[in-house]
């Protein structure tokens, strides 16, 4: 399952990264942060997004 999180907050103390950016997940692994490949296709969800 591929998931795309738009505008998520990423904090990585090791690299000093602390910003809102896009995150691509492939299965249970992080596939990309910030520079998402144009051919990355999220798996369609069968459930509606949670209410904020």
PDB file of N, CA and C in Angstrom:
ATOM      1  N   UNK A   1       0.837  -1.174   0.000  1.00  0.00           N
ATOM      2  CA  UNK A   1       0.000   0.000   0.000  1.00  0.00           C
ATOM      3  C   UNK A   1       0.885   1.241   0.000  1.00  0.00           C
ATOM      4  N   UNK A   2       0.663   2.128  -0.945  1.00  0.00           N
ATOM      5  CA  UNK A   2       1.391   3.389  -1.013  1.00  0.00           C
ATOM      6  C   UNK A   2       0.528   4.497  -0.417  1.00  0.00           C
ATOM      7  N   UNK A   3       1.146   5.333   0.414  1.00  0.00           N
ATOM      8  CA  UNK A   3       0.441   6.426   1.063  1.00  0.00           C
ATOM      9  C   UNK A   3       1.206   7.713   0.853  1.00  0.00           C
ATOM     10  N   UNK A   4       0.475   8.784   0.571  1.00  0.00           N
ATOM     11  CA  UNK A   4       1.086  10.098   0.430  1.00  0.00           C
ATOM     12  C   UNK A   4       0.501  11.014   1.493  1.00  0.00           C
ATOM     13  N   UNK A   5       1.344  11.537   2.353  1.00  0.00           N
ATOM     14  CA  UNK A   5       0.935  12.490   3.388  1.00  0.00           C
ATOM     15  C   UNK A   5       1.359  13.871   2.907  1.00  0.00           C
ATOM     16  N   UNK A   6       0.375  14.744   2.701  1.00  0.00           N
ATOM     17  CA  UNK A   6       0.649  16.092   2.203  1.00  0.00           C
ATOM     18  C   UNK A   6       0.741  17.052   3.392  1.00  0.00           C
ATOM     19  N   UNK A   7       1.846  17.785   3.474  1.00  0.00           N
ATOM     20  CA  UNK A   7       2.001  18.815   4.496  1.00  0.00           C
ATOM     21  C   UNK A   7       2.156  18.290   5.905  1.00  0.00           C
ATOM     22  N   UNK A   8       2.748  17.103   6.053  1.00  0.00           N
ATOM     23  CA  UNK A   8       2.987  16.549   7.383  1.00  0.00           C
ATOM     24  C   UNK A   8       4.224  17.178   8.009  1.00  0.00           C
ATOM     25  N   UNK A   9       4.292  17.175   9.323  1.00  0.00           N
ATOM     26  CA  UNK A   9       5.467  17.723   9.995  1.00  0.00           C
ATOM     27  C   UNK A   9       6.488  16.614  10.181  1.00  0.00           C
ATOM     28  N   UNK A  10       7.695  16.873   9.719  1.00  0.00           N
ATOM     29  CA  UNK A  10       8.787  15.910   9.807  1.00  0.00           C
ATOM     30  C   UNK A  10       9.842  16.479  10.743  1.00  0.00           C
ATOM     31  N   UNK A  11      10.191  15.702  11.755  1.00  0.00           N
ATOM     32  CA  UNK A  11      11.238  16.102  12.697  1.00  0.00           C
ATOM     33  C   UNK A  11      12.287  14.994  12.710  1.00  0.00           C
ATOM     34  N   UNK A  12      13.507  15.334  12.342  1.00  0.00           N
ATOM     35  CA  UNK A  12      14.629  14.390  12.357  1.00  0.00           C
ATOM     36  C   UNK A  12      15.816  15.073  13.030  1.00  0.00           C
ATOM     37  N   UNK A  13      15.994  14.853  14.333  1.00  0.00           N
ATOM     38  CA  UNK A  13      17.079  15.517  15.049  1.00  0.00           C
ATOM     39  C   UNK A  13      18.467  15.202  14.480  1.00  0.00           C
ATOM     40  N   UNK A  14      18.645  14.008  13.918  1.00  0.00           N
ATOM     41  CA  UNK A  14      19.959  13.628  13.393  1.00  0.00           C
ATOM     42  C   UNK A  14      20.393  14.525  12.239  1.00  0.00           C
ATOM     43  N   UNK A  15      19.420  14.928  11.396  1.00  0.00           N
ATOM     44  CA  UNK A  15      19.761  15.771  10.252  1.00  0.00           C
ATOM     45  C   UNK A  15      19.409  17.240  10.474  1.00  0.00           C
ATOM     46  N   UNK A  16      18.726  17.528  11.575  1.00  0.00           N
ATOM     47  CA  UNK A  16      18.312  18.896  11.848  1.00  0.00           C
ATOM     48  C   UNK A  16      17.053  19.307  11.110  1.00  0.00           C
ATOM     49  N   UNK A  17      16.370  18.361  10.496  1.00  0.00           N
ATOM     50  CA  UNK A  17      15.161  18.656   9.734  1.00  0.00           C
ATOM     51  C   UNK A  17      13.981  18.848  10.679  1.00  0.00           C
ATOM     52  N   UNK A  18      13.255  19.936  10.512  1.00  0.00           N
ATOM     53  CA  UNK A  18      12.030  20.220  11.255  1.00  0.00           C
ATOM     54  C   UNK A  18      11.183  21.137  10.384  1.00  0.00           C
ATOM     55  N   UNK A  19      10.309  20.541   9.574  1.00  0.00           N
ATOM     56  CA  UNK A  19       9.494  21.338   8.666  1.00  0.00           C
ATOM     57  C   UNK A  19       8.247  20.583   8.240  1.00  0.00           C
ATOM     58  N   UNK A  20       7.287  21.323   7.691  1.00  0.00           N
ATOM     59  CA  UNK A  20       6.106  20.716   7.086  1.00  0.00           C
ATOM     60  C   UNK A  20       6.451  20.395   5.641  1.00  0.00           C
ATOM     61  N   UNK A  21       6.206  19.158   5.242  1.00  0.00           N
ATOM     62  CA  UNK A  21       6.530  18.727   3.888  1.00  0.00           C
ATOM     63  C   UNK A  21       5.714  17.495   3.530  1.00  0.00           C
ATOM     64  N   UNK A  22       5.837  17.023   2.315  1.00  0.00           N
ATOM     65  CA  UNK A  22       5.143  15.819   1.874  1.00  0.00           C
ATOM     66  C   UNK A  22       6.003  14.592   2.182  1.00  0.00           C
ATOM     67  N   UNK A  23       5.327  13.488   2.530  1.00  0.00           N
ATOM     68  CA  UNK A  23       6.008  12.227   2.871  1.00  0.00           C
ATOM     69  C   UNK A  23       5.346  11.109   2.077  1.00  0.00           C
ATOM     70  N   UNK A  24       6.150  10.314   1.383  1.00  0.00           N
ATOM     71  CA  UNK A  24       5.641   9.161   0.644  1.00  0.00           C
ATOM     72  C   UNK A  24       6.021   7.890   1.391  1.00  0.00           C
ATOM     73  N   UNK A  25       5.025   7.029   1.621  1.00  0.00           N
ATOM     74  CA  UNK A  25       5.252   5.747   2.275  1.00  0.00           C
ATOM     75  C   UNK A  25       4.954   4.627   1.295  1.00  0.00           C
ATOM     76  N   UNK A  26       5.848   3.654   1.225  1.00  0.00           N
ATOM     77  CA  UNK A  26       5.645   2.461   0.405  1.00  0.00           C
ATOM     78  C   UNK A  26       5.611   1.283   1.366  1.00  0.00           C
ATOM     79  N   UNK A  27       4.418   0.728   1.551  1.00  0.00           N
ATOM     80  CA  UNK A  27       4.265  -0.296   2.579  1.00  0.00           C
ATOM     81  C   UNK A  27       4.435   0.363   3.940  1.00  0.00           C
ATOM     82  N   UNK A  28       5.345  -0.146   4.739  1.00  0.00           N
ATOM     83  CA  UNK A  28       5.589   0.441   6.061  1.00  0.00           C
ATOM     84  C   UNK A  28       6.893   1.238   6.100  1.00  0.00           C
ATOM     85  N   UNK A  29       7.487   1.487   4.932  1.00  0.00           N
ATOM     86  CA  UNK A  29       8.767   2.210   4.873  1.00  0.00           C
ATOM     87  C   UNK A  29       8.582   3.599   4.272  1.00  0.00           C
ATOM     88  N   UNK A  30       9.392   4.534   4.738  1.00  0.00           N
ATOM     89  CA  UNK A  30       9.405   5.878   4.152  1.00  0.00           C
ATOM     90  C   UNK A  30      10.113   5.781   2.809  1.00  0.00           C
ATOM     91  N   UNK A  31       9.412   6.153   1.747  1.00  0.00           N
ATOM     92  CA  UNK A  31       9.982   6.096   0.398  1.00  0.00           C
ATOM     93  C   UNK A  31      10.652   7.413   0.024  1.00  0.00           C
ATOM     94  N   UNK A  32      10.084   8.540   0.500  1.00  0.00           N
ATOM     95  CA  UNK A  32      10.647   9.852   0.166  1.00  0.00           C
ATOM     96  C   UNK A  32      10.101  10.907   1.112  1.00  0.00           C
ATOM     97  N   UNK A  33      10.910  11.897   1.361  1.00  0.00           N
ATOM     98  CA  UNK A  33      10.509  13.075   2.119  1.00  0.00           C
ATOM     99  C   UNK A  33      10.857  14.279   1.256  1.00  0.00           C
ATOM    100  N   UNK A  34       9.887  15.130   1.043  1.00  0.00           N
ATOM    101  CA  UNK A  34      10.027  16.382   0.306  1.00  0.00           C
ATOM    102  C   UNK A  34      10.077  16.184  -1.195  1.00  0.00           C
ATOM    103  N   UNK A  35      11.011  15.413  -1.717  1.00  0.00           N
ATOM    104  CA  UNK A  35      11.180  15.237  -3.163  1.00  0.00           C
ATOM    105  C   UNK A  35      10.479  13.956  -3.611  1.00  0.00           C
ATOM    106  N   UNK A  36       9.153  14.016  -3.716  1.00  0.00           N
ATOM    107  CA  UNK A  36       8.365  12.848  -4.089  1.00  0.00           C
ATOM    108  C   UNK A  36       8.466  12.655  -5.607  1.00  0.00           C
ATOM    109  N   UNK A  37       8.767  11.437  -6.017  1.00  0.00           N
ATOM    110  CA  UNK A  37       8.881  11.132  -7.449  1.00  0.00           C
ATOM    111  C   UNK A  37       7.546  11.397  -8.137  1.00  0.00           C
ATOM    112  N   UNK A  38       7.583  11.994  -9.329  1.00  0.00           N
ATOM    113  CA  UNK A  38       6.333  12.298 -10.031  1.00  0.00           C
ATOM    114  C   UNK A  38       5.517  11.056 -10.386  1.00  0.00           C
ATOM    115  N   UNK A  39       6.164   9.887 -10.437  1.00  0.00           N
ATOM    116  CA  UNK A  39       5.429   8.666 -10.777  1.00  0.00           C
ATOM    117  C   UNK A  39       4.939   7.905  -9.537  1.00  0.00           C
ATOM    118  N   UNK A  40       5.105   8.478  -8.329  1.00  0.00           N
ATOM    119  CA  UNK A  40       4.604   7.843  -7.110  1.00  0.00           C
ATOM    120  C   UNK A  40       3.083   7.914  -7.114  1.00  0.00           C
ATOM    121  N   UNK A  41       2.426   6.756  -6.993  1.00  0.00           N
ATOM    122  CA  UNK A  41       0.965   6.705  -7.033  1.00  0.00           C
ATOM    123  C   UNK A  41       0.455   6.132  -5.716  1.00  0.00           C
ATOM    124  N   UNK A  42      -0.279   6.947  -4.937  1.00  0.00           N
ATOM    125  CA  UNK A  42      -0.856   6.425  -3.697  1.00  0.00           C
ATOM    126  C   UNK A  42      -1.929   5.380  -3.985  1.00  0.00           C
ATOM    127  N   UNK A  43      -2.044   4.398  -3.119  1.00  0.00           N
ATOM    128  CA  UNK A  43      -3.091   3.391  -3.232  1.00  0.00           C
ATOM    129  C   UNK A  43      -4.406   4.024  -2.822  1.00  0.00           C
ATOM    130  N   UNK A  44      -5.459   3.888  -3.611  1.00  0.00           N
ATOM    131  CA  UNK A  44      -6.755   4.467  -3.237  1.00  0.00           C
ATOM    132  C   UNK A  44      -7.243   3.884  -1.908  1.00  0.00           C
ATOM    133  N   UNK A  45      -7.813   4.743  -1.086  1.00  0.00           N
ATOM    134  CA  UNK A  45      -8.332   4.333   0.206  1.00  0.00           C
ATOM    135  C   UNK A  45      -9.767   3.858   0.087  1.00  0.00           C
ATOM    136  N   UNK A  46     -10.106   2.829   0.862  1.00  0.00           N
ATOM    137  CA  UNK A  46     -11.489   2.345   0.846  1.00  0.00           C
ATOM    138  C   UNK A  46     -12.284   2.969   1.979  1.00  0.00           C
ATOM    139  N   UNK A  47     -11.622   3.765   2.830  1.00  0.00           N
ATOM    140  CA  UNK A  47     -12.325   4.416   3.931  1.00  0.00           C
ATOM    141  C   UNK A  47     -12.144   5.923   3.799  1.00  0.00           C
ATOM    142  N   UNK A  48     -13.150   6.691   4.197  1.00  0.00           N
ATOM    143  CA  UNK A  48     -13.014   8.156   4.111  1.00  0.00           C
ATOM    144  C   UNK A  48     -12.001   8.656   5.129  1.00  0.00           C
ATOM    145  N   UNK A  49     -11.379   9.812   4.885  1.00  0.00           N
ATOM    146  CA  UNK A  49     -10.435  10.368   5.843  1.00  0.00           C
ATOM    147  C   UNK A  49     -11.124  10.713   7.155  1.00  0.00           C
ATOM    148  N   UNK A  50     -10.379  10.655   8.231  1.00  0.00           N
ATOM    149  CA  UNK A  50     -10.909  10.969   9.559  1.00  0.00           C
ATOM    150  C   UNK A  50     -11.253  12.449   9.645  1.00  0.00           C
ATOM    151  N   UNK A  51     -12.276  12.768  10.387  1.00  0.00           N
ATOM    152  CA  UNK A  51     -12.663  14.167  10.598  1.00  0.00           C
ATOM    153  C   UNK A  51     -11.646  14.851  11.487  1.00  0.00           C
ATOM    154  N   UNK A  52     -11.381  16.120  11.215  1.00  0.00           N
ATOM    155  CA  UNK A  52     -10.411  16.875  12.000  1.00  0.00           C
ATOM    156  C   UNK A  52     -11.058  17.480  13.219  1.00  0.00           C
TER     157      UNK A  52
END
